[in-house]
Amino acid sequence: MSIFSTVTETEVTQEGSLSQGFLSASIKNVGTQVALVNGVSLGVGEAKGYPFVGKGYEPISYDPQGSTLQIMEIN
């Protein structure tokens, strides 16, 4: 097991999920439609964060619903 974390930054337009075991993440809606993150609406220009809590997270689903999401995930 590496002692270093890996940072991944992506833009997505298709539904998916953050990987199981991620340590920290943020998702920002940079598109023009309301998106869904973990079943909750994420308005245009809004962001949601999942801070480090001492252990990995379960997968978190997202659905851009015609928008674009910028995602930064730390594993």
C-alpha atoms as a PDB file:
ATOM      1  CA  MET A   1       0.000   0.000   0.000  1.00  0.00           C
ATOM      2  CA  SER A   2       1.369   3.385  -1.006  1.00  0.00           C
ATOM      3  CA  ILE A   3       1.689   6.129   1.581  1.00  0.00           C
ATOM      4  CA  PHE A   4       0.753   8.701  -1.063  1.00  0.00           C
ATOM      5  CA  SER A   5      -2.738   9.698  -2.167  1.00  0.00           C
ATOM      6  CA  THR A   6      -3.775  10.026  -5.786  1.00  0.00           C
ATOM      7  CA  VAL A   7      -5.693  13.108  -6.924  1.00  0.00           C
ATOM      8  CA  THR A   8      -7.959  12.722  -9.949  1.00  0.00           C
ATOM      9  CA  GLU A   9      -9.713  15.708 -11.540  1.00  0.00           C
ATOM     10  CA  THR A  10     -12.302  15.146 -14.266  1.00  0.00           C
ATOM     11  CA  GLU A  11     -15.298  16.716 -15.993  1.00  0.00           C
ATOM     12  CA  VAL A  12     -18.225  14.380 -16.576  1.00  0.00           C
ATOM     13  CA  THR A  13     -21.496  14.573 -18.485  1.00  0.00           C
ATOM     14  CA  GLN A  14     -22.604  10.972 -17.884  1.00  0.00           C
ATOM     15  CA  GLU A  15     -23.879   9.427 -14.659  1.00  0.00           C
ATOM     16  CA  GLY A  16     -21.485   7.440 -12.519  1.00  0.00           C
ATOM     17  CA  SER A  17     -20.109   7.266  -9.007  1.00  0.00           C
ATOM     18  CA  LEU A  18     -17.114   8.157  -6.912  1.00  0.00           C
ATOM     19  CA  SER A  19     -14.995   5.079  -6.274  1.00  0.00           C
ATOM     20  CA  GLN A  20     -15.443   3.042  -3.120  1.00  0.00           C
ATOM     21  CA  GLY A  21     -12.829   3.934  -0.526  1.00  0.00           C
ATOM     22  CA  PHE A  22     -12.140   7.507  -1.704  1.00  0.00           C
ATOM     23  CA  LEU A  23     -10.653   9.673   1.058  1.00  0.00           C
ATOM     24  CA  SER A  24     -11.960  13.103   0.048  1.00  0.00           C
ATOM     25  CA  ALA A  25     -13.855  14.585  -2.908  1.00  0.00           C
ATOM     26  CA  SER A  26     -15.592  17.666  -4.237  1.00  0.00           C
ATOM     27  CA  ILE A  27     -18.153  17.975  -7.006  1.00  0.00           C
ATOM     28  CA  LYS A  28     -19.126  21.263  -8.693  1.00  0.00           C
ATOM     29  CA  ASN A  29     -21.929  21.759 -11.192  1.00  0.00           C
ATOM     30  CA  VAL A  30     -20.408  23.914 -13.955  1.00  0.00           C
ATOM     31  CA  GLY A  31     -23.155  23.209 -16.486  1.00  0.00           C
ATOM     32  CA  THR A  32     -26.580  24.690 -17.136  1.00  0.00           C
ATOM     33  CA  GLN A  33     -28.947  22.126 -15.577  1.00  0.00           C
ATOM     34  CA  VAL A  34     -29.657  20.900 -12.057  1.00  0.00           C
ATOM     35  CA  ALA A  35     -27.697  17.698 -11.344  1.00  0.00           C
ATOM     36  CA  LEU A  36     -28.164  14.958  -8.750  1.00  0.00           C
ATOM     37  CA  VAL A  37     -25.424  13.959  -6.306  1.00  0.00           C
ATOM     38  CA  ASN A  38     -26.161  11.184  -3.830  1.00  0.00           C
ATOM     39  CA  GLY A  39     -29.853  11.651  -4.661  1.00  0.00           C
ATOM     40  CA  VAL A  40     -29.820  15.374  -3.775  1.00  0.00           C
ATOM     41  CA  SER A  41     -30.182  18.269  -6.244  1.00  0.00           C
ATOM     42  CA  LEU A  42     -27.023  20.238  -7.021  1.00  0.00           C
ATOM     43  CA  GLY A  43     -27.877  23.569  -8.641  1.00  0.00           C
ATOM     44  CA  VAL A  44     -25.909  25.355 -11.331  1.00  0.00           C
ATOM     45  CA  GLY A  45     -22.742  26.825  -9.787  1.00  0.00           C
ATOM     46  CA  GLU A  46     -23.144  24.871  -6.535  1.00  0.00           C
ATOM     47  CA  ALA A  47     -20.507  22.543  -5.092  1.00  0.00           C
ATOM     48  CA  LYS A  48     -20.589  19.705  -2.594  1.00  0.00           C
ATOM     49  CA  GLY A  49     -17.654  18.394  -0.592  1.00  0.00           C
ATOM     50  CA  TYR A  50     -16.834  15.136   1.129  1.00  0.00           C
ATOM     51  CA  PRO A  51     -13.976  15.920   3.553  1.00  0.00           C
ATOM     52  CA  PHE A  52     -11.485  13.440   4.958  1.00  0.00           C
ATOM     53  CA  VAL A  53     -13.094  11.701   7.942  1.00  0.00           C
ATOM     54  CA  GLY A  54     -10.396   9.213   8.859  1.00  0.00           C
ATOM     55  CA  LYS A  55     -11.571   6.328   6.697  1.00  0.00           C
ATOM     56  CA  GLY A  56     -12.747   5.742   3.122  1.00  0.00           C
ATOM     57  CA  TYR A  57     -16.261   6.486   1.892  1.00  0.00           C
ATOM     58  CA  GLU A  58     -18.770   4.162   0.290  1.00  0.00           C
ATOM     59  CA  PRO A  59     -19.419   4.986  -3.417  1.00  0.00           C
ATOM     60  CA  ILE A  60     -21.376   8.224  -4.010  1.00  0.00           C
ATOM     61  CA  SER A  61     -23.523   8.330  -7.153  1.00  0.00           C
ATOM     62  CA  TYR A  62     -23.972  11.329  -9.438  1.00  0.00           C
ATOM     63  CA  ASP A  63     -26.164  12.115 -12.442  1.00  0.00           C
ATOM     64  CA  PRO A  64     -25.417  15.321 -14.366  1.00  0.00           C
ATOM     65  CA  GLN A  65     -28.897  15.251 -16.001  1.00  0.00           C
ATOM     66  CA  GLY A  66     -27.661  17.183 -19.045  1.00  0.00           C
ATOM     67  CA  SER A  67     -25.190  19.317 -17.093  1.00  0.00           C
ATOM     68  CA  THR A  68     -21.418  19.089 -16.560  1.00  0.00           C
ATOM     69  CA  LEU A  69     -19.794  18.195 -13.242  1.00  0.00           C
ATOM     70  CA  GLN A  70     -16.204  18.944 -12.244  1.00  0.00           C
ATOM     71  CA  ILE A  71     -15.001  16.264  -9.856  1.00  0.00           C
ATOM     72  CA  MET A  72     -11.869  16.145  -7.714  1.00  0.00           C
ATOM     73  CA  GLU A  73     -11.386  12.814  -5.973  1.00  0.00           C
ATOM     74  CA  ILE A  74      -8.587  11.829  -3.613  1.00  0.00           C
ATOM     75  CA  ASN A  75      -7.855   8.135  -3.185  1.00  0.00           C
END
